[in-house]
Amino acid sequence: MVSFTSFHMEDGPPIYLQIVGHVKRMVAAGAAADQEELPSRRVLSATLGVNPNTVQNAYRILEEEGLMESRTGAKSVLTLNEEKVAAIRRQLVEGEAASLVALLKGTGFSREETLSLVVRLWDTVAEEGGRT
């Protein structure tokens, strides 16, 4: 079952989009796999303390994006393959990278300074076994 124990609501984006983002991050991290069940809409809404329509909106988006399947009277499951997982990883990383580039440009970093910073951090993370 896809876990929501690490889910924390934030100010800003609508909660249903935060739920979608949480599921996508779980998929990208390998913490959720093809055919893994999602909590029912009622259970998840009770767990998170949100309106069931909020969860329904999130699940509808996941279905529209082809990431989950729901059948009447049956469990909702993730429908993933390598291509979908790669696309989710790319989407998440590109969004974060775009925010970082905007921050760096906004604070006056040049392209060369930015690339140097990324290389230095890449090497630091590699030396520390993946942790910053």
C-alpha atoms as a PDB file:
ATOM      1  CA  MET A   1       0.000   0.000   0.000  1.00  0.00           C
ATOM      2  CA  VAL A   2       1.296   3.448  -0.890  1.00  0.00           C
ATOM      3  CA  SER A   3       2.209   5.099   2.398  1.00  0.00           C
ATOM      4  CA  PHE A   4       1.182   8.588   3.421  1.00  0.00           C
ATOM      5  CA  THR A   5       2.985   8.551   6.781  1.00  0.00           C
ATOM      6  CA  SER A   6       5.546  11.051   5.482  1.00  0.00           C
ATOM      7  CA  PHE A   7       2.915  13.318   3.889  1.00  0.00           C
ATOM      8  CA  HIS A   8       2.825  16.820   5.342  1.00  0.00           C
ATOM      9  CA  MET A   9       0.415  19.476   4.096  1.00  0.00           C
ATOM     10  CA  GLU A  10       2.023  22.762   3.163  1.00  0.00           C
ATOM     11  CA  ASP A  11       0.724  26.262   2.672  1.00  0.00           C
ATOM     12  CA  GLY A  12       0.438  27.170  -0.975  1.00  0.00           C
ATOM     13  CA  PRO A  13      -0.559  24.510  -3.482  1.00  0.00           C
ATOM     14  CA  PRO A  14      -4.020  22.966  -3.184  1.00  0.00           C
ATOM     15  CA  ILE A  15      -4.036  19.811  -1.068  1.00  0.00           C
ATOM     16  CA  TYR A  16      -5.153  17.611  -3.964  1.00  0.00           C
ATOM     17  CA  LEU A  17      -2.042  18.662  -5.919  1.00  0.00           C
ATOM     18  CA  GLN A  18       0.104  17.952  -2.863  1.00  0.00           C
ATOM     19  CA  ILE A  19      -1.348  14.418  -2.774  1.00  0.00           C
ATOM     20  CA  VAL A  20      -0.545  13.959  -6.473  1.00  0.00           C
ATOM     21  CA  GLY A  21       2.992  15.251  -5.855  1.00  0.00           C
ATOM     22  CA  HIS A  22       3.438  12.902  -2.901  1.00  0.00           C
ATOM     23  CA  VAL A  23       2.462   9.873  -4.984  1.00  0.00           C
ATOM     24  CA  LYS A  24       4.788  10.965  -7.794  1.00  0.00           C
ATOM     25  CA  ARG A  25       7.698  11.449  -5.372  1.00  0.00           C
ATOM     26  CA  MET A  26       7.061   7.971  -3.943  1.00  0.00           C
ATOM     27  CA  VAL A  27       7.135   6.538  -7.475  1.00  0.00           C
ATOM     28  CA  ALA A  28      10.295   8.459  -8.401  1.00  0.00           C
ATOM     29  CA  ALA A  29      12.042   7.263  -5.228  1.00  0.00           C
ATOM     30  CA  GLY A  30      11.099   3.646  -5.886  1.00  0.00           C
ATOM     31  CA  ALA A  31       8.915   3.569  -2.764  1.00  0.00           C
ATOM     32  CA  ALA A  32       5.794   2.771  -4.802  1.00  0.00           C
ATOM     33  CA  ALA A  33       5.585   0.179  -7.563  1.00  0.00           C
ATOM     34  CA  ASP A  34       3.336  -0.994 -10.375  1.00  0.00           C
ATOM     35  CA  GLN A  35       0.054  -2.511  -9.143  1.00  0.00           C
ATOM     36  CA  GLU A  36       0.623  -1.231  -5.607  1.00  0.00           C
ATOM     37  CA  GLU A  37      -2.619  -0.299  -3.904  1.00  0.00           C
ATOM     38  CA  LEU A  38      -3.521   3.226  -2.873  1.00  0.00           C
ATOM     39  CA  PRO A  39      -5.598   3.861   0.232  1.00  0.00           C
ATOM     40  CA  SER A  40      -9.314   4.160  -0.454  1.00  0.00           C
ATOM     41  CA  ARG A  41     -10.615   7.677  -0.885  1.00  0.00           C
ATOM     42  CA  ARG A  42     -12.458   7.519   2.441  1.00  0.00           C
ATOM     43  CA  VAL A  43      -9.513   6.104   4.364  1.00  0.00           C
ATOM     44  CA  LEU A  44      -7.069   8.649   2.947  1.00  0.00           C
ATOM     45  CA  SER A  45      -9.421  11.576   3.552  1.00  0.00           C
ATOM     46  CA  ALA A  46      -9.857  10.460   7.178  1.00  0.00           C
ATOM     47  CA  THR A  47      -6.113   9.898   7.613  1.00  0.00           C
ATOM     48  CA  LEU A  48      -5.239  13.338   6.251  1.00  0.00           C
ATOM     49  CA  GLY A  49      -8.255  15.090   7.754  1.00  0.00           C
ATOM     50  CA  VAL A  50      -9.434  16.439   4.405  1.00  0.00           C
ATOM     51  CA  ASN A  51     -12.686  16.369   2.470  1.00  0.00           C
ATOM     52  CA  PRO A  52     -13.159  13.143   0.439  1.00  0.00           C
ATOM     53  CA  ASN A  53     -13.632  15.321  -2.667  1.00  0.00           C
ATOM     54  CA  THR A  54     -10.041  16.521  -2.211  1.00  0.00           C
ATOM     55  CA  VAL A  55      -8.756  12.948  -2.435  1.00  0.00           C
ATOM     56  CA  GLN A  56     -11.145  12.263  -5.319  1.00  0.00           C
ATOM     57  CA  ASN A  57      -9.654  15.215  -7.245  1.00  0.00           C
ATOM     58  CA  ALA A  58      -6.126  13.911  -6.650  1.00  0.00           C
ATOM     59  CA  TYR A  59      -7.029  10.386  -7.743  1.00  0.00           C
ATOM     60  CA  ARG A  60      -8.829  11.734 -10.821  1.00  0.00           C
ATOM     61  CA  ILE A  61      -5.638  13.531 -11.884  1.00  0.00           C
ATOM     62  CA  LEU A  62      -3.553  10.407 -11.310  1.00  0.00           C
ATOM     63  CA  GLU A  63      -6.036   8.434 -13.435  1.00  0.00           C
ATOM     64  CA  GLU A  64      -6.036  11.066 -16.200  1.00  0.00           C
ATOM     65  CA  GLU A  65      -2.237  10.938 -16.274  1.00  0.00           C
ATOM     66  CA  GLY A  66      -2.395   7.146 -16.582  1.00  0.00           C
ATOM     67  CA  LEU A  67      -0.639   6.554 -13.265  1.00  0.00           C
ATOM     68  CA  MET A  68      -3.451   4.751 -11.471  1.00  0.00           C
ATOM     69  CA  GLU A  69      -6.510   2.707 -12.239  1.00  0.00           C
ATOM     70  CA  SER A  70      -9.729   2.446 -10.280  1.00  0.00           C
ATOM     71  CA  ARG A  71     -12.469  -0.060 -10.767  1.00  0.00           C
ATOM     72  CA  THR A  72     -15.881   0.135  -9.160  1.00  0.00           C
ATOM     73  CA  GLY A  73     -15.861  -2.010  -6.045  1.00  0.00           C
ATOM     74  CA  ALA A  74     -12.146  -2.779  -6.388  1.00  0.00           C
ATOM     75  CA  LYS A  75      -8.938  -1.297  -5.055  1.00  0.00           C
ATOM     76  CA  SER A  76      -7.202   1.601  -6.776  1.00  0.00           C
ATOM     77  CA  VAL A  77      -3.743   0.617  -7.983  1.00  0.00           C
ATOM     78  CA  LEU A  78      -0.771   2.313  -9.577  1.00  0.00           C
ATOM     79  CA  THR A  79      -0.257   1.527 -13.248  1.00  0.00           C
ATOM     80  CA  LEU A  80       3.423   2.102 -13.913  1.00  0.00           C
ATOM     81  CA  ASN A  81       6.102   1.047 -16.342  1.00  0.00           C
ATOM     82  CA  GLU A  82       9.719   2.114 -16.809  1.00  0.00           C
ATOM     83  CA  GLU A  83       8.746   4.878 -19.243  1.00  0.00           C
ATOM     84  CA  LYS A  84       6.207   6.431 -16.850  1.00  0.00           C
ATOM     85  CA  VAL A  85       8.621   6.266 -13.918  1.00  0.00           C
ATOM     86  CA  ALA A  86      11.377   7.907 -15.986  1.00  0.00           C
ATOM     87  CA  ALA A  87       8.963  10.655 -17.073  1.00  0.00           C
ATOM     88  CA  ILE A  88       7.943  11.325 -13.451  1.00  0.00           C
ATOM     89  CA  ARG A  89      11.582  11.529 -12.353  1.00  0.00           C
ATOM     90  CA  ARG A  90      12.369  13.922 -15.196  1.00  0.00           C
ATOM     91  CA  GLN A  91       9.329  16.083 -14.420  1.00  0.00           C
ATOM     92  CA  LEU A  92      10.169  16.346 -10.714  1.00  0.00           C
ATOM     93  CA  VAL A  93      13.869  17.018 -11.232  1.00  0.00           C
ATOM     94  CA  GLU A  94      13.339  19.547 -14.016  1.00  0.00           C
ATOM     95  CA  GLY A  95      10.876  21.480 -11.859  1.00  0.00           C
ATOM     96  CA  GLU A  96      13.318  21.630  -8.943  1.00  0.00           C
ATOM     97  CA  ALA A  97      16.223  22.470 -11.246  1.00  0.00           C
ATOM     98  CA  ALA A  98      14.268  25.296 -12.886  1.00  0.00           C
ATOM     99  CA  SER A  99      13.528  26.785  -9.461  1.00  0.00           C
ATOM    100  CA  LEU A 100      17.197  26.538  -8.502  1.00  0.00           C
ATOM    101  CA  VAL A 101      18.357  28.142 -11.753  1.00  0.00           C
ATOM    102  CA  ALA A 102      15.879  30.996 -11.263  1.00  0.00           C
ATOM    103  CA  LEU A 103      17.188  31.518  -7.715  1.00  0.00           C
ATOM    104  CA  LEU A 104      20.815  31.471  -8.847  1.00  0.00           C
ATOM    105  CA  LYS A 105      20.173  33.856 -11.735  1.00  0.00           C
ATOM    106  CA  GLY A 106      18.181  36.133  -9.455  1.00  0.00           C
ATOM    107  CA  THR A 107      21.066  36.322  -6.992  1.00  0.00           C
ATOM    108  CA  GLY A 108      23.589  37.151  -9.696  1.00  0.00           C
ATOM    109  CA  PHE A 109      25.286  33.797 -10.271  1.00  0.00           C
ATOM    110  CA  SER A 110      26.786  33.402 -13.724  1.00  0.00           C
ATOM    111  CA  ARG A 111      26.367  30.240 -15.775  1.00  0.00           C
ATOM    112  CA  GLU A 112      29.971  29.281 -15.030  1.00  0.00           C
ATOM    113  CA  GLU A 113      29.551  29.867 -11.283  1.00  0.00           C
ATOM    114  CA  THR A 114      26.373  27.802 -11.313  1.00  0.00           C
ATOM    115  CA  LEU A 115      27.998  24.894 -13.153  1.00  0.00           C
ATOM    116  CA  SER A 116      30.980  25.030 -10.821  1.00  0.00           C
ATOM    117  CA  LEU A 117      28.656  24.936  -7.808  1.00  0.00           C
ATOM    118  CA  VAL A 118      26.747  21.959  -9.175  1.00  0.00           C
ATOM    119  CA  VAL A 119      29.965  20.046  -9.892  1.00  0.00           C
ATOM    120  CA  ARG A 120      31.280  20.777  -6.398  1.00  0.00           C
ATOM    121  CA  LEU A 121      28.029  19.700  -4.765  1.00  0.00           C
ATOM    122  CA  TRP A 122      27.825  16.614  -6.983  1.00  0.00           C
ATOM    123  CA  ASP A 123      31.291  15.555  -5.840  1.00  0.00           C
ATOM    124  CA  THR A 124      30.499  16.333  -2.190  1.00  0.00           C
ATOM    125  CA  VAL A 125      27.320  14.264  -2.271  1.00  0.00           C
ATOM    126  CA  ALA A 126      29.144  11.392  -3.999  1.00  0.00           C
ATOM    127  CA  GLU A 127      31.870  11.440  -1.323  1.00  0.00           C
ATOM    128  CA  GLU A 128      29.293  11.426   1.486  1.00  0.00           C
ATOM    129  CA  GLY A 129      27.419   8.475   0.030  1.00  0.00           C
ATOM    130  CA  GLY A 130      24.454  10.381  -1.381  1.00  0.00           C
ATOM    131  CA  ARG A 131      23.841  12.701   1.562  1.00  0.00           C
ATOM    132  CA  THR A 132      24.438  16.445   1.660  1.00  0.00           C
END
